[in-house]
Amino acid sequence: MEPITSQPQTNITAKPIIDRSAGRVDVNKRKIINGEGADVVQLWPIKHKFAWDAYNVGNANHWLPTEISMQLDIEQWRSQTFLTPDERHALKMVLGFFTTADSIAANNLVLAFYKHITSPEARLYLLRQAYEEAIHTQAYQYIVESLGLDGTEIFNMYREVDAIYDKEEFILSFNQGIFDPNFKTGTFVNDQKFLENMCVFSLIMEGIFFYSSFAVIFGFQRQNKLVGSAEQIQYIMRDESTHMNFGIDMINTIKQEQPELWTPTFVERVTNLVRKAVELEYKFAVDVFPKGIFGLNAEGFKQYIEHIADRRLSRVGIDPIYGTANPFPWMSEAVDLNKEKNFFETRVTEYKTGGTLAW
């Protein structure tokens, strides 16, 4: 019989996983990054109320792609005459960007942001936001399957279309540092690097790149074309608006908590990154609209891109660049989601779960 070997003794003098000697966490020591109390999600007392509010908004606005009828879209797409070749091309280009962009956003949340954010309430919303990115990816797949598109073509456009690749390569270039497993916040250089990543994702990815593609889809909607697809994108835009506002709130909070990071040189860098993003987005618009569709063309989109770029900069206290007027005033209506729908025909866009209704 084999002798029974004794189990190794546990080193009782080893440092405990949880340091109980630290005492209670002071809410005033909580910060977006480099704060205390990130080991557990201790929500009360809440310091970063904007994050808690965003979490509740996300829960109230829960939706699923399969709740939206695609029957009319299917009939219109199968018709040989209802949609022009240029309109079909524009839809495919936008889906090609969306499918990859949302997965990049999800990776950034899960693999980078969550690890370094130390605000418990902000972390809670990041979990909700990551789930919403998964729903968005499902929505694009639902559109692709419903219309009978070639999924391989759509999901691989970022590899094959320069205008899409260039935008997403630009975004991914800012992940290289903070995706490094050895990257840690806590130094001036690393904290600025992390803040730069937040500016790129909130102001550029979610604030510019997504919104110009939203405008393409709502151009279809205004023509009563592909309205089911447009309704799904409308739900997505509602989510992304909350994502963008949450990210901007985090940027502005870091500016308050660590003002030394917001240097003139940093502001100039963010401004130049937005300029570069506008150039990339205009290149994308040229590919989306080689000839123009139902009154939309690349030049009009250039003006819209410049307009929203100025709005994003102003939200974080940076002077506007372009001073361009909004050429698409109808986008405000789409963003505000003030459409009345027959509840028995389709779920209203303003639907909220029962627990959040004010009686």
Protein backbone atom coordinates (compact mmCIF):
# COMPACT_ATOMS: atom_id res chain seq x y z
CA MET A 1 0.00 0.00 0.00
CA GLU A 2 1.26 3.45 -0.88
CA PRO A 3 2.06 5.52 2.19
CA ILE A 4 -0.29 8.36 2.81
CA THR A 5 1.53 11.60 2.22
CA SER A 6 0.64 14.49 4.40
CA GLN A 7 -0.86 17.59 2.80
CA PRO A 8 1.39 20.63 2.73
CA GLN A 9 0.79 22.96 5.61
CA THR A 10 -0.91 26.24 4.77
CA ASN A 11 1.30 29.20 5.45
CA ILE A 12 -0.80 30.95 8.04
CA THR A 13 1.54 33.95 8.03
CA ALA A 14 0.91 34.68 4.36
CA LYS A 15 -0.66 38.03 3.55
CA PRO A 16 -4.48 37.67 3.56
CA ILE A 17 -6.36 38.16 0.33
CA ILE A 18 -8.52 40.82 1.98
CA ASP A 19 -6.79 43.36 4.20
CA ARG A 20 -9.10 43.72 7.19
CA SER A 21 -6.81 46.17 8.94
CA ALA A 22 -7.55 48.93 6.43
CA GLY A 23 -10.87 49.81 8.07
CA ARG A 24 -13.94 51.08 6.32
CA VAL A 25 -13.57 52.68 2.93
CA ASP A 26 -14.08 56.44 3.02
CA VAL A 27 -16.41 57.40 0.17
CA ASN A 28 -14.34 60.55 -0.32
CA LYS A 29 -11.35 58.40 -1.25
CA ARG A 30 -13.21 56.78 -4.12
CA LYS A 31 -12.07 57.84 -7.57
CA ILE A 32 -12.70 56.73 -11.14
CA ILE A 33 -9.13 55.42 -11.26
CA ASN A 34 -6.58 54.99 -8.45
CA GLY A 35 -9.30 55.04 -5.79
CA GLU A 36 -9.96 52.83 -2.78
CA GLY A 37 -12.63 50.19 -2.34
CA ALA A 38 -12.52 48.49 -5.76
CA ASP A 39 -12.10 44.99 -4.30
CA VAL A 40 -15.84 44.74 -3.62
CA VAL A 41 -18.84 46.52 -5.12
CA GLN A 42 -19.88 48.60 -2.12
CA LEU A 43 -22.55 50.81 -3.65
CA TRP A 44 -23.60 52.76 -0.59
CA PRO A 45 -22.90 55.55 -0.03
CA ILE A 46 -22.78 56.38 -3.74
CA LYS A 47 -20.21 58.94 -4.85
CA HIS A 48 -20.38 58.81 -8.66
CA LYS A 49 -24.13 59.20 -9.02
CA PHE A 50 -23.95 59.59 -12.81
CA ALA A 51 -22.81 55.96 -13.05
CA TRP A 52 -25.67 54.70 -10.86
CA ASP A 53 -28.13 56.74 -12.93
CA ALA A 54 -26.73 55.27 -16.16
CA TYR A 55 -27.09 51.76 -14.75
CA ASN A 56 -30.76 52.36 -13.96
CA VAL A 57 -31.38 53.90 -17.39
CA GLY A 58 -29.86 50.82 -19.03
CA ASN A 59 -32.04 48.47 -17.03
CA ALA A 60 -35.17 50.50 -17.81
CA ASN A 61 -34.39 50.48 -21.53
CA HIS A 62 -33.75 46.77 -21.89
CA TRP A 63 -34.67 45.32 -25.29
CA LEU A 64 -33.92 42.35 -27.56
CA PRO A 65 -33.60 42.32 -31.36
CA THR A 66 -36.10 39.50 -31.84
CA GLU A 67 -38.88 41.72 -30.43
CA ILE A 68 -38.81 43.77 -33.65
CA SER A 69 -40.55 42.58 -36.81
CA MET A 70 -38.38 42.39 -39.93
CA GLN A 71 -41.09 41.20 -42.33
CA LEU A 72 -41.39 44.46 -44.28
CA ASP A 73 -37.61 44.76 -44.53
CA ILE A 74 -37.43 41.23 -45.95
CA GLU A 75 -40.03 42.06 -48.61
CA GLN A 76 -38.29 45.30 -49.54
CA TRP A 77 -34.85 43.69 -49.73
CA ARG A 78 -36.13 40.82 -51.89
CA SER A 79 -37.80 43.24 -54.29
CA GLN A 80 -35.78 43.77 -57.44
CA THR A 81 -36.84 47.41 -57.77
CA PHE A 82 -37.60 48.87 -54.32
CA LEU A 83 -33.96 49.48 -53.32
CA THR A 84 -31.30 50.77 -55.68
CA PRO A 85 -27.84 49.17 -55.89
CA ASP A 86 -26.36 52.26 -54.20
CA GLU A 87 -28.81 51.95 -51.31
CA ARG A 88 -27.95 48.28 -50.85
CA HIS A 89 -24.25 49.15 -50.91
CA ALA A 90 -24.72 51.84 -48.25
CA LEU A 91 -26.54 49.46 -45.89
CA LYS A 92 -23.87 46.79 -46.26
CA MET A 93 -21.08 49.29 -45.59
CA VAL A 94 -22.72 50.54 -42.41
CA LEU A 95 -23.40 47.00 -41.16
CA GLY A 96 -19.79 46.11 -41.99
CA PHE A 97 -18.58 48.88 -39.71
CA PHE A 98 -21.08 48.25 -36.92
CA THR A 99 -20.42 44.51 -36.62
CA THR A 100 -16.75 45.01 -35.86
CA ALA A 101 -17.01 48.27 -33.95
CA ASP A 102 -19.31 46.92 -31.24
CA SER A 103 -17.04 43.94 -30.61
CA ILE A 104 -14.05 46.30 -30.30
CA ALA A 105 -16.01 48.39 -27.81
CA ALA A 106 -16.91 45.27 -25.81
CA ASN A 107 -13.30 44.11 -25.69
CA ASN A 108 -12.18 47.53 -24.50
CA LEU A 109 -14.73 47.45 -21.68
CA VAL A 110 -14.02 43.93 -20.50
CA LEU A 111 -10.26 43.69 -21.07
CA ALA A 112 -9.20 47.25 -20.27
CA PHE A 113 -11.69 49.59 -18.62
CA TYR A 114 -13.10 47.28 -15.97
CA LYS A 115 -9.68 46.22 -14.74
CA HIS A 116 -8.53 49.74 -13.98
CA ILE A 117 -11.75 51.53 -12.98
CA THR A 118 -11.96 51.69 -9.19
CA SER A 119 -15.38 53.30 -8.74
CA PRO A 120 -17.84 50.54 -7.65
CA GLU A 121 -20.84 52.23 -9.25
CA ALA A 122 -18.93 52.85 -12.49
CA ARG A 123 -17.90 49.20 -12.55
CA LEU A 124 -21.52 48.16 -12.11
CA TYR A 125 -22.56 50.15 -15.16
CA LEU A 126 -19.64 48.77 -17.20
CA LEU A 127 -21.11 45.29 -16.67
CA ARG A 128 -24.46 46.50 -17.99
CA GLN A 129 -22.77 48.26 -20.91
CA ALA A 130 -20.83 45.13 -21.89
CA TYR A 131 -24.10 43.16 -22.00
CA GLU A 132 -25.64 45.83 -24.23
CA GLU A 133 -22.72 45.52 -26.66
CA ALA A 134 -23.54 41.81 -26.90
CA ILE A 135 -27.18 42.66 -27.69
CA HIS A 136 -26.02 45.02 -30.43
CA THR A 137 -23.90 42.31 -32.02
CA GLN A 138 -26.94 40.02 -31.91
CA ALA A 139 -29.02 42.75 -33.59
CA TYR A 140 -26.62 43.05 -36.53
CA GLN A 141 -26.66 39.28 -36.95
CA TYR A 142 -30.47 39.33 -36.81
CA ILE A 143 -30.57 41.93 -39.60
CA VAL A 144 -28.06 39.98 -41.70
CA GLU A 145 -30.00 36.72 -41.29
CA SER A 146 -33.39 38.34 -41.86
CA LEU A 147 -32.35 39.99 -45.12
CA GLY A 148 -30.47 36.92 -46.29
CA LEU A 149 -27.15 38.77 -46.57
CA ASP A 150 -23.82 37.00 -46.85
CA GLY A 151 -22.68 37.04 -43.24
CA THR A 152 -19.10 36.28 -44.19
CA GLU A 153 -19.03 39.34 -46.45
CA ILE A 154 -20.50 41.66 -43.81
CA PHE A 155 -18.48 40.47 -40.82
CA ASN A 156 -15.22 40.50 -42.77
CA MET A 157 -15.54 43.97 -44.28
CA TYR A 158 -13.07 45.38 -41.77
CA ARG A 159 -10.46 43.11 -43.38
CA GLU A 160 -11.39 43.97 -46.95
CA VAL A 161 -12.59 47.59 -47.05
CA ASP A 162 -9.86 50.18 -46.42
CA ALA A 163 -12.23 52.87 -45.10
CA ILE A 164 -13.54 50.50 -42.39
CA TYR A 165 -10.13 49.01 -41.59
CA ASP A 166 -8.53 52.44 -41.20
CA LYS A 167 -11.13 53.60 -38.67
CA GLU A 168 -10.91 50.46 -36.58
CA GLU A 169 -7.12 50.23 -36.77
CA PHE A 170 -7.01 53.82 -35.55
CA ILE A 171 -9.15 52.90 -32.53
CA LEU A 172 -7.26 49.70 -31.76
CA SER A 173 -3.91 51.50 -31.78
CA PHE A 174 -4.88 53.12 -28.48
CA ASN A 175 -5.49 49.77 -26.82
CA GLN A 176 -1.96 48.48 -27.19
CA GLY A 177 -0.66 50.05 -24.01
CA ILE A 178 -3.55 49.44 -21.64
CA PHE A 179 -4.13 45.89 -22.91
CA ASP A 180 -0.62 45.00 -21.75
CA PRO A 181 -1.05 42.71 -18.69
CA ASN A 182 1.70 44.69 -16.95
CA PHE A 183 -0.03 48.04 -17.47
CA LYS A 184 -1.15 49.73 -14.26
CA THR A 185 -2.55 53.13 -13.49
CA GLY A 186 -0.97 55.15 -10.70
CA THR A 187 1.69 57.11 -12.55
CA PHE A 188 1.28 60.36 -14.46
CA VAL A 189 2.24 58.76 -17.79
CA ASN A 190 -0.03 55.73 -17.41
CA ASP A 191 -2.95 57.74 -16.08
CA GLN A 192 -2.75 60.05 -19.08
CA LYS A 193 -2.55 57.02 -21.36
CA PHE A 194 -5.69 55.60 -19.79
CA LEU A 195 -7.49 58.94 -20.01
CA GLU A 196 -6.49 59.19 -23.67
CA ASN A 197 -8.08 55.80 -24.32
CA MET A 198 -11.28 56.97 -22.66
CA CYS A 199 -11.34 60.11 -24.84
CA VAL A 200 -10.82 58.06 -28.00
CA PHE A 201 -13.63 55.64 -27.19
CA SER A 202 -16.17 58.09 -25.81
CA LEU A 203 -15.59 61.11 -28.04
CA ILE A 204 -14.50 59.41 -31.27
CA MET A 205 -15.67 55.80 -31.41
CA GLU A 206 -19.05 56.22 -29.72
CA GLY A 207 -19.43 59.95 -30.33
CA ILE A 208 -18.41 60.34 -34.00
CA PHE A 209 -17.91 57.03 -35.80
CA PHE A 210 -21.18 55.52 -34.55
CA TYR A 211 -23.27 58.63 -35.08
CA SER A 212 -22.46 59.15 -38.74
CA SER A 213 -23.47 55.56 -39.46
CA PHE A 214 -26.64 56.05 -37.42
CA ALA A 215 -27.48 58.95 -39.74
CA VAL A 216 -27.21 56.66 -42.78
CA ILE A 217 -29.74 54.22 -41.32
CA PHE A 218 -32.15 56.98 -40.35
CA GLY A 219 -31.91 58.27 -43.90
CA PHE A 220 -33.51 54.96 -44.91
CA GLN A 221 -36.10 55.34 -42.18
CA ARG A 222 -37.14 58.78 -43.45
CA GLN A 223 -37.90 57.15 -46.81
CA ASN A 224 -39.95 54.37 -45.14
CA LYS A 225 -37.30 51.88 -46.20
CA LEU A 226 -35.93 49.08 -44.01
CA VAL A 227 -37.88 50.42 -41.05
CA GLY A 228 -37.38 47.28 -38.94
CA SER A 229 -33.61 47.52 -39.31
CA ALA A 230 -33.82 51.24 -38.54
CA GLU A 231 -35.86 50.57 -35.40
CA GLN A 232 -33.19 48.19 -34.14
CA ILE A 233 -30.50 50.77 -34.86
CA GLN A 234 -32.64 53.32 -33.02
CA TYR A 235 -32.57 51.15 -29.91
CA ILE A 236 -28.82 50.74 -30.37
CA MET A 237 -28.35 54.49 -30.68
CA ARG A 238 -30.30 55.02 -27.47
CA ASP A 239 -27.91 52.63 -25.71
CA GLU A 240 -24.85 54.19 -27.32
CA SER A 241 -25.99 57.68 -26.33
CA THR A 242 -25.95 56.53 -22.71
CA HIS A 243 -22.55 54.87 -23.23
CA MET A 244 -21.14 58.07 -24.67
CA ASN A 245 -22.59 60.28 -21.94
CA PHE A 246 -21.30 57.89 -19.26
CA GLY A 247 -17.81 57.97 -20.80
CA ILE A 248 -17.85 61.77 -20.99
CA ASP A 249 -18.97 61.94 -17.36
CA MET A 250 -16.05 59.71 -16.39
CA ILE A 251 -13.62 61.92 -18.34
CA ASN A 252 -14.91 65.07 -16.66
CA THR A 253 -14.81 63.39 -13.24
CA ILE A 254 -11.18 62.34 -13.75
CA LYS A 255 -10.46 65.96 -14.70
CA GLN A 256 -11.82 66.99 -11.30
CA GLU A 257 -10.16 64.20 -9.33
CA GLN A 258 -6.78 64.39 -11.08
CA PRO A 259 -6.60 67.85 -12.72
CA GLU A 260 -2.86 67.54 -13.28
CA LEU A 261 -3.57 65.10 -16.15
CA TRP A 262 -5.51 67.66 -18.22
CA THR A 263 -2.51 69.59 -19.52
CA PRO A 264 -2.49 71.95 -22.54
CA THR A 265 -0.38 69.38 -24.38
CA PHE A 266 -2.96 66.67 -23.64
CA VAL A 267 -5.81 68.90 -24.81
CA GLU A 268 -3.94 69.59 -28.04
CA ARG A 269 -3.40 65.88 -28.56
CA VAL A 270 -7.09 65.06 -28.06
CA THR A 271 -8.01 67.86 -30.48
CA ASN A 272 -5.64 66.48 -33.13
CA LEU A 273 -7.02 62.97 -32.64
CA VAL A 274 -10.53 64.29 -33.30
CA ARG A 275 -9.24 66.01 -36.47
CA LYS A 276 -7.78 62.69 -37.64
CA ALA A 277 -11.03 60.89 -36.83
CA VAL A 278 -13.03 63.38 -38.90
CA GLU A 279 -10.70 62.77 -41.87
CA LEU A 280 -11.15 59.00 -41.54
CA GLU A 281 -14.91 59.33 -41.25
CA TYR A 282 -15.09 61.50 -44.37
CA LYS A 283 -13.13 58.84 -46.26
CA PHE A 284 -15.69 56.29 -45.05
CA ALA A 285 -18.56 58.55 -46.19
CA VAL A 286 -17.08 58.73 -49.69
CA ASP A 287 -17.10 54.92 -49.86
CA VAL A 288 -20.65 54.72 -48.47
CA PHE A 289 -22.00 57.29 -50.95
CA PRO A 290 -20.10 56.99 -54.23
CA LYS A 291 -23.05 58.71 -55.93
CA GLY A 292 -25.40 59.71 -53.11
CA ILE A 293 -28.75 58.25 -52.06
CA PHE A 294 -32.09 59.98 -51.36
CA GLY A 295 -30.48 63.38 -50.91
CA LEU A 296 -27.57 62.16 -48.77
CA ASN A 297 -24.00 62.47 -50.05
CA ALA A 298 -20.45 62.50 -48.77
CA GLU A 299 -20.22 66.29 -48.62
CA GLY A 300 -23.32 66.53 -46.44
CA PHE A 301 -21.89 63.89 -44.16
CA LYS A 302 -18.61 65.77 -43.93
CA GLN A 303 -20.53 68.73 -42.52
CA TYR A 304 -22.43 66.51 -40.09
CA ILE A 305 -19.22 64.84 -38.92
CA GLU A 306 -17.62 68.23 -38.27
CA HIS A 307 -20.72 69.40 -36.40
CA ILE A 308 -20.83 66.44 -34.02
CA ALA A 309 -17.03 66.54 -33.56
CA ASP A 310 -17.36 70.09 -32.22
CA ARG A 311 -20.17 68.99 -29.90
CA ARG A 312 -18.08 66.16 -28.46
CA LEU A 313 -15.11 68.44 -27.81
CA SER A 314 -17.25 71.05 -26.09
CA ARG A 315 -18.64 68.39 -23.72
CA VAL A 316 -15.17 67.99 -22.19
CA GLY A 317 -14.33 71.68 -22.22
CA ILE A 318 -12.27 71.80 -25.42
CA ASP A 319 -12.82 74.59 -27.94
CA PRO A 320 -14.67 73.58 -31.12
CA ILE A 321 -12.64 73.21 -34.31
CA TYR A 322 -14.98 73.63 -37.25
CA GLY A 323 -17.98 75.78 -36.37
CA THR A 324 -20.09 73.86 -38.91
CA ALA A 325 -23.88 74.00 -38.71
CA ASN A 326 -25.89 70.79 -38.50
CA PRO A 327 -26.97 69.82 -42.05
CA PHE A 328 -29.23 67.05 -40.72
CA PRO A 329 -31.66 68.66 -38.25
CA TRP A 330 -33.87 65.58 -38.55
CA MET A 331 -31.18 63.62 -36.66
CA SER A 332 -32.25 65.42 -33.49
CA GLU A 333 -35.67 63.80 -33.79
CA ALA A 334 -34.10 60.37 -34.27
CA VAL A 335 -31.81 60.87 -31.28
CA ASP A 336 -34.63 62.08 -29.05
CA LEU A 337 -36.73 59.01 -29.88
CA ASN A 338 -40.00 60.90 -29.68
CA LYS A 339 -41.86 58.70 -32.14
CA GLU A 340 -45.36 57.49 -31.34
CA LYS A 341 -45.96 53.84 -32.13
CA ASN A 342 -48.97 51.57 -31.92
CA PHE A 343 -48.18 49.35 -28.95
CA PHE A 344 -50.10 46.46 -30.49
CA GLU A 345 -48.10 46.67 -33.74
CA THR A 346 -44.62 47.07 -32.34
CA ARG A 347 -43.03 47.68 -29.00
CA VAL A 348 -42.78 51.42 -28.39
CA THR A 349 -39.25 52.77 -28.43
CA GLU A 350 -39.93 54.56 -25.17
CA TYR A 351 -40.92 51.32 -23.42
CA LYS A 352 -39.68 50.98 -19.85
CA THR A 353 -39.95 48.05 -17.50
CA GLY A 354 -42.83 48.20 -15.04
CA GLY A 355 -40.64 48.67 -12.00
CA THR A 356 -39.37 52.00 -13.29
CA LEU A 357 -42.69 53.61 -14.16
CA ALA A 358 -43.89 56.58 -12.15
CA TRP A 359 -47.50 55.99 -11.14
